[in-house]
Amino acid sequence: DNCIVLGDFYNKRHSTPLEISFGTEMIVKLLSTYGNVSLLTG
């Protein structure tokens, strides 16, 4: 019914454009699948 990511989504504090692009793609897919996605800052 929902998706929760418990931190450390990225590997470093300042991600590269490729890493940000993939992270964005991943969240968009999770949102379209589960509707509700929560992330905790790691």
PDB file of all heavy atoms in Angstrom:
ATOM      1  N   ASP A   1       0.813  -1.212   0.000  1.00  0.00           N
ATOM      2  CA  ASP A   1       0.000   0.000   0.000  1.00  0.00           C
ATOM      3  C   ASP A   1       0.848   1.265   0.000  1.00  0.00           C
ATOM      4  O   ASP A   1       0.370   2.329  -0.364  1.00  0.00           O
ATOM      5  CB  ASP A   1      -0.925   0.011   1.225  1.00  0.00           C
ATOM      6  CG  ASP A   1      -1.859  -1.186   1.220  1.00  0.00           C
ATOM      7  OD1 ASP A   1      -2.552  -1.390   0.215  1.00  0.00           O
ATOM      8  OD2 ASP A   1      -1.874  -1.924   2.216  1.00  0.00           O
ATOM      9  N   ASN A   2       2.083   1.148   0.454  1.00  0.00           N
ATOM     10  CA  ASN A   2       2.995   2.281   0.443  1.00  0.00           C
ATOM     11  C   ASN A   2       4.428   1.784   0.496  1.00  0.00           C
ATOM     12  O   ASN A   2       4.674   0.596   0.688  1.00  0.00           O
ATOM     13  CB  ASN A   2       2.696   3.270   1.576  1.00  0.00           C
ATOM     14  CG  ASN A   2       2.862   2.664   2.945  1.00  0.00           C
ATOM     15  OD1 ASN A   2       3.511   1.646   3.126  1.00  0.00           O
ATOM     16  ND2 ASN A   2       2.275   3.292   3.938  1.00  0.00           N
ATOM     17  N   CYS A   3       5.344   2.701   0.329  1.00  0.00           N
ATOM     18  CA  CYS A   3       6.768   2.364   0.289  1.00  0.00           C
ATOM     19  C   CYS A   3       7.521   3.321   1.207  1.00  0.00           C
ATOM     20  O   CYS A   3       7.292   4.534   1.173  1.00  0.00           O
ATOM     21  CB  CYS A   3       7.268   2.494  -1.150  1.00  0.00           C
ATOM     22  SG  CYS A   3       9.028   2.195  -1.344  1.00  0.00           S
ATOM     23  N   ILE A   4       8.409   2.761   2.030  1.00  0.00           N
ATOM     24  CA  ILE A   4       9.195   3.554   2.961  1.00  0.00           C
ATOM     25  C   ILE A   4      10.672   3.216   2.751  1.00  0.00           C
ATOM     26  O   ILE A   4      11.048   2.045   2.784  1.00  0.00           O
ATOM     27  CB  ILE A   4       8.795   3.263   4.417  1.00  0.00           C
ATOM     28  CG1 ILE A   4       7.304   3.548   4.626  1.00  0.00           C
ATOM     29  CG2 ILE A   4       9.653   4.078   5.386  1.00  0.00           C
ATOM     30  CD1 ILE A   4       6.757   3.054   5.944  1.00  0.00           C
ATOM     31  N   VAL A   5      11.485   4.239   2.533  1.00  0.00           N
ATOM     32  CA  VAL A   5      12.922   4.065   2.365  1.00  0.00           C
ATOM     33  C   VAL A   5      13.591   4.615   3.628  1.00  0.00           C
ATOM     34  O   VAL A   5      13.467   5.793   3.928  1.00  0.00           O
ATOM     35  CB  VAL A   5      13.439   4.804   1.110  1.00  0.00           C
ATOM     36  CG1 VAL A   5      14.932   4.558   0.931  1.00  0.00           C
ATOM     37  CG2 VAL A   5      12.661   4.379  -0.127  1.00  0.00           C
ATOM     38  N   LEU A   6      14.280   3.746   4.347  1.00  0.00           N
ATOM     39  CA  LEU A   6      14.827   4.098   5.655  1.00  0.00           C
ATOM     40  C   LEU A   6      16.252   4.641   5.582  1.00  0.00           C
ATOM     41  O   LEU A   6      17.154   4.179   6.266  1.00  0.00           O
ATOM     42  CB  LEU A   6      14.795   2.879   6.591  1.00  0.00           C
ATOM     43  CG  LEU A   6      13.428   2.311   6.896  1.00  0.00           C
ATOM     44  CD1 LEU A   6      13.554   1.060   7.749  1.00  0.00           C
ATOM     45  CD2 LEU A   6      12.559   3.347   7.584  1.00  0.00           C
ATOM     46  N   GLY A   7      16.471   5.616   4.766  1.00  0.00           N
ATOM     47  CA  GLY A   7      17.749   6.308   4.769  1.00  0.00           C
ATOM     48  C   GLY A   7      18.805   5.770   3.827  1.00  0.00           C
ATOM     49  O   GLY A   7      18.700   4.684   3.280  1.00  0.00           O
ATOM     50  N   ASP A   8      19.811   6.591   3.626  1.00  0.00           N
ATOM     51  CA  ASP A   8      20.950   6.305   2.760  1.00  0.00           C
ATOM     52  C   ASP A   8      20.529   5.918   1.341  1.00  0.00           C
ATOM     53  O   ASP A   8      21.007   4.958   0.753  1.00  0.00           O
ATOM     54  CB  ASP A   8      21.867   5.251   3.384  1.00  0.00           C
ATOM     55  CG  ASP A   8      22.554   5.764   4.636  1.00  0.00           C
ATOM     56  OD1 ASP A   8      22.560   6.991   4.844  1.00  0.00           O
ATOM     57  OD2 ASP A   8      23.079   4.949   5.393  1.00  0.00           O
ATOM     58  N   PHE A   9      19.619   6.721   0.794  1.00  0.00           N
ATOM     59  CA  PHE A   9      19.177   6.539  -0.583  1.00  0.00           C
ATOM     60  C   PHE A   9      20.354   6.758  -1.528  1.00  0.00           C
ATOM     61  O   PHE A   9      20.607   5.951  -2.417  1.00  0.00           O
ATOM     62  CB  PHE A   9      18.043   7.529  -0.864  1.00  0.00           C
ATOM     63  CG  PHE A   9      17.341   7.352  -2.178  1.00  0.00           C
ATOM     64  CD1 PHE A   9      16.546   6.238  -2.412  1.00  0.00           C
ATOM     65  CD2 PHE A   9      17.437   8.317  -3.165  1.00  0.00           C
ATOM     66  CE1 PHE A   9      15.881   6.086  -3.625  1.00  0.00           C
ATOM     67  CE2 PHE A   9      16.773   8.171  -4.366  1.00  0.00           C
ATOM     68  CZ  PHE A   9      15.996   7.048  -4.600  1.00  0.00           C
ATOM     69  N   TYR A  10      21.072   7.853  -1.314  1.00  0.00           N
ATOM     70  CA  TYR A  10      22.292   8.114  -2.076  1.00  0.00           C
ATOM     71  C   TYR A  10      23.506   7.701  -1.256  1.00  0.00           C
ATOM     72  O   TYR A  10      23.414   7.518  -0.043  1.00  0.00           O
ATOM     73  CB  TYR A  10      22.401   9.592  -2.454  1.00  0.00           C
ATOM     74  CG  TYR A  10      21.399  10.015  -3.498  1.00  0.00           C
ATOM     75  CD1 TYR A  10      20.377  10.896  -3.189  1.00  0.00           C
ATOM     76  CD2 TYR A  10      21.469   9.527  -4.786  1.00  0.00           C
ATOM     77  CE1 TYR A  10      19.450  11.282  -4.143  1.00  0.00           C
ATOM     78  CE2 TYR A  10      20.545   9.900  -5.752  1.00  0.00           C
ATOM     79  CZ  TYR A  10      19.536  10.773  -5.422  1.00  0.00           C
ATOM     80  OH  TYR A  10      18.630  11.149  -6.365  1.00  0.00           O
ATOM     81  N   ASN A  11      24.648   7.588  -1.905  1.00  0.00           N
ATOM     82  CA  ASN A  11      25.857   7.146  -1.223  1.00  0.00           C
ATOM     83  C   ASN A  11      26.686   8.296  -0.655  1.00  0.00           C
ATOM     84  O   ASN A  11      27.549   8.084   0.168  1.00  0.00           O
ATOM     85  CB  ASN A  11      26.727   6.305  -2.161  1.00  0.00           C
ATOM     86  CG  ASN A  11      27.792   5.540  -1.412  1.00  0.00           C
ATOM     87  OD1 ASN A  11      27.516   4.964  -0.369  1.00  0.00           O
ATOM     88  ND2 ASN A  11      29.000   5.542  -1.922  1.00  0.00           N
ATOM     89  N   LYS A  12      26.418   9.504  -1.126  1.00  0.00           N
ATOM     90  CA  LYS A  12      27.212  10.631  -0.645  1.00  0.00           C
ATOM     91  C   LYS A  12      26.353  11.886  -0.587  1.00  0.00           C
ATOM     92  O   LYS A  12      25.277  11.942  -1.166  1.00  0.00           O
ATOM     93  CB  LYS A  12      28.433  10.843  -1.531  1.00  0.00           C
ATOM     94  CG  LYS A  12      28.121  10.984  -2.995  1.00  0.00           C
ATOM     95  CD  LYS A  12      29.372  10.891  -3.846  1.00  0.00           C
ATOM     96  CE  LYS A  12      28.980  10.809  -5.300  1.00  0.00           C
ATOM     97  NZ  LYS A  12      29.822   9.980  -6.079  1.00  0.00           N
ATOM     98  N   ARG A  13      26.845  12.859   0.091  1.00  0.00           N
ATOM     99  CA  ARG A  13      26.086  14.089   0.315  1.00  0.00           C
ATOM    100  C   ARG A  13      25.867  14.891  -0.967  1.00  0.00           C
ATOM    101  O   ARG A  13      24.861  15.557  -1.119  1.00  0.00           O
ATOM    102  CB  ARG A  13      26.792  14.944   1.356  1.00  0.00           C
ATOM    103  CG  ARG A  13      26.701  14.355   2.731  1.00  0.00           C
ATOM    104  CD  ARG A  13      27.543  15.139   3.722  1.00  0.00           C
ATOM    105  NE  ARG A  13      27.301  14.710   5.078  1.00  0.00           N
ATOM    106  CZ  ARG A  13      27.873  13.661   5.651  1.00  0.00           C
ATOM    107  NH1 ARG A  13      28.729  12.931   4.980  1.00  0.00           N
ATOM    108  NH2 ARG A  13      27.596  13.351   6.903  1.00  0.00           N
ATOM    109  N   HIS A  14      26.795  14.855  -1.884  1.00  0.00           N
ATOM    110  CA  HIS A  14      26.677  15.603  -3.137  1.00  0.00           C
ATOM    111  C   HIS A  14      26.753  14.606  -4.295  1.00  0.00           C
ATOM    112  O   HIS A  14      27.849  14.243  -4.736  1.00  0.00           O
ATOM    113  CB  HIS A  14      27.786  16.653  -3.241  1.00  0.00           C
ATOM    114  CG  HIS A  14      27.745  17.647  -2.124  1.00  0.00           C
ATOM    115  ND1 HIS A  14      26.810  18.653  -2.064  1.00  0.00           N
ATOM    116  CD2 HIS A  14      28.493  17.770  -1.007  1.00  0.00           C
ATOM    117  CE1 HIS A  14      26.997  19.353  -0.965  1.00  0.00           C
ATOM    118  NE2 HIS A  14      28.010  18.835  -0.306  1.00  0.00           N
ATOM    119  N   SER A  15      25.602  14.188  -4.760  1.00  0.00           N
ATOM    120  CA  SER A  15      25.530  13.176  -5.809  1.00  0.00           C
ATOM    121  C   SER A  15      25.821  13.775  -7.180  1.00  0.00           C
ATOM    122  O   SER A  15      25.619  14.966  -7.404  1.00  0.00           O
ATOM    123  CB  SER A  15      24.138  12.532  -5.803  1.00  0.00           C
ATOM    124  OG  SER A  15      23.905  11.914  -4.562  1.00  0.00           O
ATOM    125  N   THR A  16      26.252  12.909  -8.098  1.00  0.00           N
ATOM    126  CA  THR A  16      26.517  13.337  -9.474  1.00  0.00           C
ATOM    127  C   THR A  16      25.195  13.469 -10.228  1.00  0.00           C
ATOM    128  O   THR A  16      24.172  12.928  -9.805  1.00  0.00           O
ATOM    129  CB  THR A  16      27.402  12.315 -10.207  1.00  0.00           C
ATOM    130  OG1 THR A  16      26.651  11.107 -10.389  1.00  0.00           O
ATOM    131  CG2 THR A  16      28.695  12.030  -9.441  1.00  0.00           C
ATOM    132  N   PRO A  17      25.199  14.170 -11.367  1.00  0.00           N
ATOM    133  CA  PRO A  17      23.972  14.265 -12.172  1.00  0.00           C
ATOM    134  C   PRO A  17      23.412  12.893 -12.557  1.00  0.00           C
ATOM    135  O   PRO A  17      22.188  12.700 -12.542  1.00  0.00           O
ATOM    136  CB  PRO A  17      24.423  15.057 -13.406  1.00  0.00           C
ATOM    137  CG  PRO A  17      25.526  15.926 -12.890  1.00  0.00           C
ATOM    138  CD  PRO A  17      26.260  15.046 -11.904  1.00  0.00           C
ATOM    139  N   LEU A  18      24.259  11.928 -12.877  1.00  0.00           N
ATOM    140  CA  LEU A  18      23.789  10.587 -13.221  1.00  0.00           C
ATOM    141  C   LEU A  18      23.105   9.921 -12.028  1.00  0.00           C
ATOM    142  O   LEU A  18      22.051   9.296 -12.165  1.00  0.00           O
ATOM    143  CB  LEU A  18      24.954   9.722 -13.712  1.00  0.00           C
ATOM    144  CG  LEU A  18      24.609   8.296 -14.150  1.00  0.00           C
ATOM    145  CD1 LEU A  18      23.595   8.299 -15.290  1.00  0.00           C
ATOM    146  CD2 LEU A  18      25.869   7.554 -14.559  1.00  0.00           C
ATOM    147  N   GLU A  19      23.672  10.080 -10.845  1.00  0.00           N
ATOM    148  CA  GLU A  19      23.081   9.500  -9.638  1.00  0.00           C
ATOM    149  C   GLU A  19      21.733  10.157  -9.320  1.00  0.00           C
ATOM    150  O   GLU A  19      20.765   9.477  -8.993  1.00  0.00           O
ATOM    151  CB  GLU A  19      24.046   9.652  -8.458  1.00  0.00           C
ATOM    152  CG  GLU A  19      25.306   8.823  -8.623  1.00  0.00           C
ATOM    153  CD  GLU A  19      26.462   9.261  -7.744  1.00  0.00           C
ATOM    154  OE1 GLU A  19      26.373  10.297  -7.054  1.00  0.00           O
ATOM    155  OE2 GLU A  19      27.489   8.554  -7.764  1.00  0.00           O
ATOM    156  N   ILE A  20      21.675  11.475  -9.460  1.00  0.00           N
ATOM    157  CA  ILE A  20      20.420  12.188  -9.219  1.00  0.00           C
ATOM    158  C   ILE A  20      19.370  11.776 -10.237  1.00  0.00           C
ATOM    159  O   ILE A  20      18.201  11.568  -9.892  1.00  0.00           O
ATOM    160  CB  ILE A  20      20.649  13.710  -9.231  1.00  0.00           C
ATOM    161  CG1 ILE A  20      21.483  14.104  -8.001  1.00  0.00           C
ATOM    162  CG2 ILE A  20      19.332  14.477  -9.263  1.00  0.00           C
ATOM    163  CD1 ILE A  20      21.983  15.520  -8.021  1.00  0.00           C
ATOM    164  N   SER A  21      19.765  11.629 -11.488  1.00  0.00           N
ATOM    165  CA  SER A  21      18.837  11.212 -12.532  1.00  0.00           C
ATOM    166  C   SER A  21      18.257   9.831 -12.220  1.00  0.00           C
ATOM    167  O   SER A  21      17.042   9.615 -12.322  1.00  0.00           O
ATOM    168  CB  SER A  21      19.548  11.200 -13.885  1.00  0.00           C
ATOM    169  OG  SER A  21      18.695  10.710 -14.883  1.00  0.00           O
ATOM    170  N   PHE A  22      19.112   8.898 -11.839  1.00  0.00           N
ATOM    171  CA  PHE A  22      18.622   7.564 -11.513  1.00  0.00           C
ATOM    172  C   PHE A  22      17.731   7.595 -10.263  1.00  0.00           C
ATOM    173  O   PHE A  22      16.691   6.945 -10.228  1.00  0.00           O
ATOM    174  CB  PHE A  22      19.762   6.562 -11.309  1.00  0.00           C
ATOM    175  CG  PHE A  22      19.243   5.220 -10.880  1.00  0.00           C
ATOM    176  CD1 PHE A  22      18.601   4.391 -11.772  1.00  0.00           C
ATOM    177  CD2 PHE A  22      19.360   4.818  -9.559  1.00  0.00           C
ATOM    178  CE1 PHE A  22      18.079   3.173 -11.368  1.00  0.00           C
ATOM    179  CE2 PHE A  22      18.849   3.599  -9.138  1.00  0.00           C
ATOM    180  CZ  PHE A  22      18.212   2.766 -10.047  1.00  0.00           C
ATOM    181  N   GLY A  23      18.133   8.345  -9.231  1.00  0.00           N
ATOM    182  CA  GLY A  23      17.313   8.445  -8.026  1.00  0.00           C
ATOM    183  C   GLY A  23      15.934   9.007  -8.332  1.00  0.00           C
ATOM    184  O   GLY A  23      14.922   8.531  -7.816  1.00  0.00           O
ATOM    185  N   THR A  24      15.894  10.007  -9.203  1.00  0.00           N
ATOM    186  CA  THR A  24      14.617  10.592  -9.628  1.00  0.00           C
ATOM    187  C   THR A  24      13.775   9.561 -10.360  1.00  0.00           C
ATOM    188  O   THR A  24      12.581   9.396 -10.097  1.00  0.00           O
ATOM    189  CB  THR A  24      14.876  11.818 -10.527  1.00  0.00           C
ATOM    190  OG1 THR A  24      15.641  12.768  -9.795  1.00  0.00           O
ATOM    191  CG2 THR A  24      13.579  12.447 -10.998  1.00  0.00           C
ATOM    192  N   GLU A  25      14.392   8.844 -11.292  1.00  0.00           N
ATOM    193  CA  GLU A  25      13.701   7.796 -12.046  1.00  0.00           C
ATOM    194  C   GLU A  25      13.124   6.746 -11.094  1.00  0.00           C
ATOM    195  O   GLU A  25      11.988   6.303 -11.240  1.00  0.00           O
ATOM    196  CB  GLU A  25      14.691   7.143 -13.014  1.00  0.00           C
ATOM    197  CG  GLU A  25      14.189   5.939 -13.755  1.00  0.00           C
ATOM    198  CD  GLU A  25      15.297   5.246 -14.536  1.00  0.00           C
ATOM    199  OE1 GLU A  25      16.253   5.916 -14.989  1.00  0.00           O
ATOM    200  OE2 GLU A  25      15.202   4.012 -14.680  1.00  0.00           O
ATOM    201  N   MET A  26      13.901   6.367 -10.095  1.00  0.00           N
ATOM    202  CA  MET A  26      13.469   5.351  -9.150  1.00  0.00           C
ATOM    203  C   MET A  26      12.266   5.825  -8.338  1.00  0.00           C
ATOM    204  O   MET A  26      11.286   5.100  -8.183  1.00  0.00           O
ATOM    205  CB  MET A  26      14.621   4.969  -8.223  1.00  0.00           C
ATOM    206  CG  MET A  26      14.294   3.847  -7.289  1.00  0.00           C
ATOM    207  SD  MET A  26      15.782   3.297  -6.449  1.00  0.00           S
ATOM    208  CE  MET A  26      15.283   1.641  -6.046  1.00  0.00           C
ATOM    209  N   ILE A  27      12.326   7.050  -7.825  1.00  0.00           N
ATOM    210  CA  ILE A  27      11.213   7.576  -7.030  1.00  0.00           C
ATOM    211  C   ILE A  27       9.952   7.702  -7.880  1.00  0.00           C
ATOM    212  O   ILE A  27       8.857   7.380  -7.424  1.00  0.00           O
ATOM    213  CB  ILE A  27      11.592   8.920  -6.367  1.00  0.00           C
ATOM    214  CG1 ILE A  27      12.662   8.697  -5.311  1.00  0.00           C
ATOM    215  CG2 ILE A  27      10.359   9.601  -5.770  1.00  0.00           C
ATOM    216  CD1 ILE A  27      12.278   7.752  -4.174  1.00  0.00           C
ATOM    217  N   VAL A  28      10.081   8.159  -9.115  1.00  0.00           N
ATOM    218  CA  VAL A  28       8.919   8.278 -10.002  1.00  0.00           C
ATOM    219  C   VAL A  28       8.274   6.905 -10.199  1.00  0.00           C
ATOM    220  O   VAL A  28       7.041   6.765 -10.136  1.00  0.00           O
ATOM    221  CB  VAL A  28       9.315   8.932 -11.347  1.00  0.00           C
ATOM    222  CG1 VAL A  28       8.226   8.769 -12.388  1.00  0.00           C
ATOM    223  CG2 VAL A  28       9.659  10.400 -11.137  1.00  0.00           C
ATOM    224  N   LYS A  29       9.069   5.868 -10.405  1.00  0.00           N
ATOM    225  CA  LYS A  29       8.524   4.513 -10.581  1.00  0.00           C
ATOM    226  C   LYS A  29       7.880   4.005  -9.297  1.00  0.00           C
ATOM    227  O   LYS A  29       6.816   3.384  -9.329  1.00  0.00           O
ATOM    228  CB  LYS A  29       9.613   3.555 -11.059  1.00  0.00           C
ATOM    229  CG  LYS A  29       9.981   3.783 -12.504  1.00  0.00           C
ATOM    230  CD  LYS A  29      11.023   2.811 -12.993  1.00  0.00           C
ATOM    231  CE  LYS A  29      11.349   3.113 -14.453  1.00  0.00           C
ATOM    232  NZ  LYS A  29      12.381   2.259 -14.997  1.00  0.00           N
ATOM    233  N   LEU A  30       8.508   4.268  -8.152  1.00  0.00           N
ATOM    234  CA  LEU A  30       7.924   3.850  -6.877  1.00  0.00           C
ATOM    235  C   LEU A  30       6.614   4.583  -6.623  1.00  0.00           C
ATOM    236  O   LEU A  30       5.633   3.981  -6.172  1.00  0.00           O
ATOM    237  CB  LEU A  30       8.905   4.078  -5.732  1.00  0.00           C
ATOM    238  CG  LEU A  30      10.141   3.172  -5.718  1.00  0.00           C
ATOM    239  CD1 LEU A  30      11.146   3.656  -4.674  1.00  0.00           C
ATOM    240  CD2 LEU A  30       9.753   1.719  -5.462  1.00  0.00           C
ATOM    241  N   LEU A  31       6.570   5.881  -6.904  1.00  0.00           N
ATOM    242  CA  LEU A  31       5.336   6.642  -6.730  1.00  0.00           C
ATOM    243  C   LEU A  31       4.229   6.131  -7.640  1.00  0.00           C
ATOM    244  O   LEU A  31       3.076   6.018  -7.219  1.00  0.00           O
ATOM    245  CB  LEU A  31       5.582   8.135  -6.993  1.00  0.00           C
ATOM    246  CG  LEU A  31       6.275   8.908  -5.879  1.00  0.00           C
ATOM    247  CD1 LEU A  31       6.812  10.242  -6.401  1.00  0.00           C
ATOM    248  CD2 LEU A  31       5.328   9.128  -4.700  1.00  0.00           C
ATOM    249  N   SER A  32       4.564   5.805  -8.877  1.00  0.00           N
ATOM    250  CA  SER A  32       3.531   5.320  -9.799  1.00  0.00           C
ATOM    251  C   SER A  32       3.039   3.927  -9.413  1.00  0.00           C
ATOM    252  O   SER A  32       1.906   3.572  -9.687  1.00  0.00           O
ATOM    253  CB  SER A  32       4.024   5.346 -11.246  1.00  0.00           C
ATOM    254  OG  SER A  32       5.034   4.383 -11.449  1.00  0.00           O
ATOM    255  N   THR A  33       3.895   3.154  -8.728  1.00  0.00           N
ATOM    256  CA  THR A  33       3.505   1.811  -8.306  1.00  0.00           C
ATOM    257  C   THR A  33       2.764   1.823  -6.977  1.00  0.00           C
ATOM    258  O   THR A  33       1.740   1.148  -6.826  1.00  0.00           O
ATOM    259  CB  THR A  33       4.756   0.908  -8.179  1.00  0.00           C
ATOM    260  OG1 THR A  33       5.425   0.878  -9.440  1.00  0.00           O
ATOM    261  CG2 THR A  33       4.377  -0.506  -7.779  1.00  0.00           C
ATOM    262  N   TYR A  34       3.255   2.587  -6.005  1.00  0.00           N
ATOM    263  CA  TYR A  34       2.719   2.530  -4.640  1.00  0.00           C
ATOM    264  C   TYR A  34       1.928   3.762  -4.227  1.00  0.00           C
ATOM    265  O   TYR A  34       1.256   3.734  -3.200  1.00  0.00           O
ATOM    266  CB  TYR A  34       3.854   2.275  -3.638  1.00  0.00           C
ATOM    267  CG  TYR A  34       4.539   0.965  -3.926  1.00  0.00           C
ATOM    268  CD1 TYR A  34       5.820   0.926  -4.445  1.00  0.00           C
ATOM    269  CD2 TYR A  34       3.877  -0.238  -3.728  1.00  0.00           C
ATOM    270  CE1 TYR A  34       6.438  -0.278  -4.741  1.00  0.00           C
ATOM    271  CE2 TYR A  34       4.483  -1.449  -4.028  1.00  0.00           C
ATOM    272  CZ  TYR A  34       5.761  -1.458  -4.535  1.00  0.00           C
ATOM    273  OH  TYR A  34       6.357  -2.654  -4.841  1.00  0.00           O
ATOM    274  N   GLY A  35       2.023   4.842  -4.978  1.00  0.00           N
ATOM    275  CA  GLY A  35       1.262   6.043  -4.662  1.00  0.00           C
ATOM    276  C   GLY A  35       1.854   6.870  -3.541  1.00  0.00           C
ATOM    277  O   GLY A  35       1.973   8.069  -3.660  1.00  0.00           O
ATOM    278  N   ASN A  36       2.251   6.234  -2.471  1.00  0.00           N
ATOM    279  CA  ASN A  36       2.796   6.935  -1.315  1.00  0.00           C
ATOM    280  C   ASN A  36       4.210   6.426  -1.056  1.00  0.00           C
ATOM    281  O   ASN A  36       4.394   5.251  -0.770  1.00  0.00           O
ATOM    282  CB  ASN A  36       1.909   6.708  -0.094  1.00  0.00           C
ATOM    283  CG  ASN A  36       2.388   7.452   1.124  1.00  0.00           C
ATOM    284  OD1 ASN A  36       3.181   8.387   1.028  1.00  0.00           O
ATOM    285  ND2 ASN A  36       1.920   7.045   2.279  1.00  0.00           N
ATOM    286  N   VAL A  37       5.181   7.323  -1.158  1.00  0.00           N
ATOM    287  CA  VAL A  37       6.573   6.966  -0.907  1.00  0.00           C
ATOM    288  C   VAL A  37       7.136   7.943   0.122  1.00  0.00           C
ATOM    289  O   VAL A  37       7.052   9.153  -0.055  1.00  0.00           O
ATOM    290  CB  VAL A  37       7.427   7.013  -2.199  1.00  0.00           C
ATOM    291  CG1 VAL A  37       8.887   6.734  -1.903  1.00  0.00           C
ATOM    292  CG2 VAL A  37       6.888   6.026  -3.218  1.00  0.00           C
ATOM    293  N   SER A  38       7.688   7.396   1.200  1.00  0.00           N
ATOM    294  CA  SER A  38       8.307   8.202   2.247  1.00  0.00           C
ATOM    295  C   SER A  38       9.778   7.842   2.339  1.00  0.00           C
ATOM    296  O   SER A  38      10.138   6.675   2.268  1.00  0.00           O
ATOM    297  CB  SER A  38       7.645   7.938   3.603  1.00  0.00           C
ATOM    298  OG  SER A  38       6.278   8.259   3.555  1.00  0.00           O
ATOM    299  N   LEU A  39      10.609   8.850   2.495  1.00  0.00           N
ATOM    300  CA  LEU A  39      12.046   8.638   2.659  1.00  0.00           C
ATOM    301  C   LEU A  39      12.503   9.290   3.952  1.00  0.00           C
ATOM    302  O   LEU A  39      12.123  10.420   4.249  1.00  0.00           O
ATOM    303  CB  LEU A  39      12.831   9.259   1.507  1.00  0.00           C
ATOM    304  CG  LEU A  39      12.674   8.614   0.144  1.00  0.00           C
ATOM    305  CD1 LEU A  39      11.604   9.309  -0.652  1.00  0.00           C
ATOM    306  CD2 LEU A  39      13.984   8.651  -0.590  1.00  0.00           C
ATOM    307  N   LEU A  40      13.309   8.578   4.710  1.00  0.00           N
ATOM    308  CA  LEU A  40      13.943   9.135   5.893  1.00  0.00           C
ATOM    309  C   LEU A  40      15.360   9.528   5.517  1.00  0.00           C
ATOM    310  O   LEU A  40      16.044   8.799   4.809  1.00  0.00           O
ATOM    311  CB  LEU A  40      13.984   8.117   7.024  1.00  0.00           C
ATOM    312  CG  LEU A  40      12.696   7.979   7.832  1.00  0.00           C
ATOM    313  CD1 LEU A  40      11.610   7.318   7.015  1.00  0.00           C
ATOM    314  CD2 LEU A  40      12.971   7.210   9.091  1.00  0.00           C
ATOM    315  N   THR A  41      15.772  10.680   5.979  1.00  0.00           N
ATOM    316  CA  THR A  41      17.128  11.146   5.717  1.00  0.00           C
ATOM    317  C   THR A  41      18.116  10.277   6.481  1.00  0.00           C
ATOM    318  O   THR A  41      17.978  10.090   7.683  1.00  0.00           O
ATOM    319  CB  THR A  41      17.292  12.612   6.150  1.00  0.00           C
ATOM    320  OG1 THR A  41      16.328  13.393   5.454  1.00  0.00           O
ATOM    321  CG2 THR A  41      18.676  13.119   5.844  1.00  0.00           C
ATOM    322  N   GLY A  42      19.081   9.745   5.776  1.00  0.00           N
ATOM    323  CA  GLY A  42      20.130   8.955   6.410  1.00  0.00           C
ATOM    324  C   GLY A  42      21.375   9.796   6.620  1.00  0.00           C
ATOM    325  O   GLY A  42      21.423  10.967   6.241  1.00  0.00           O
TER     326      GLY A  42
END
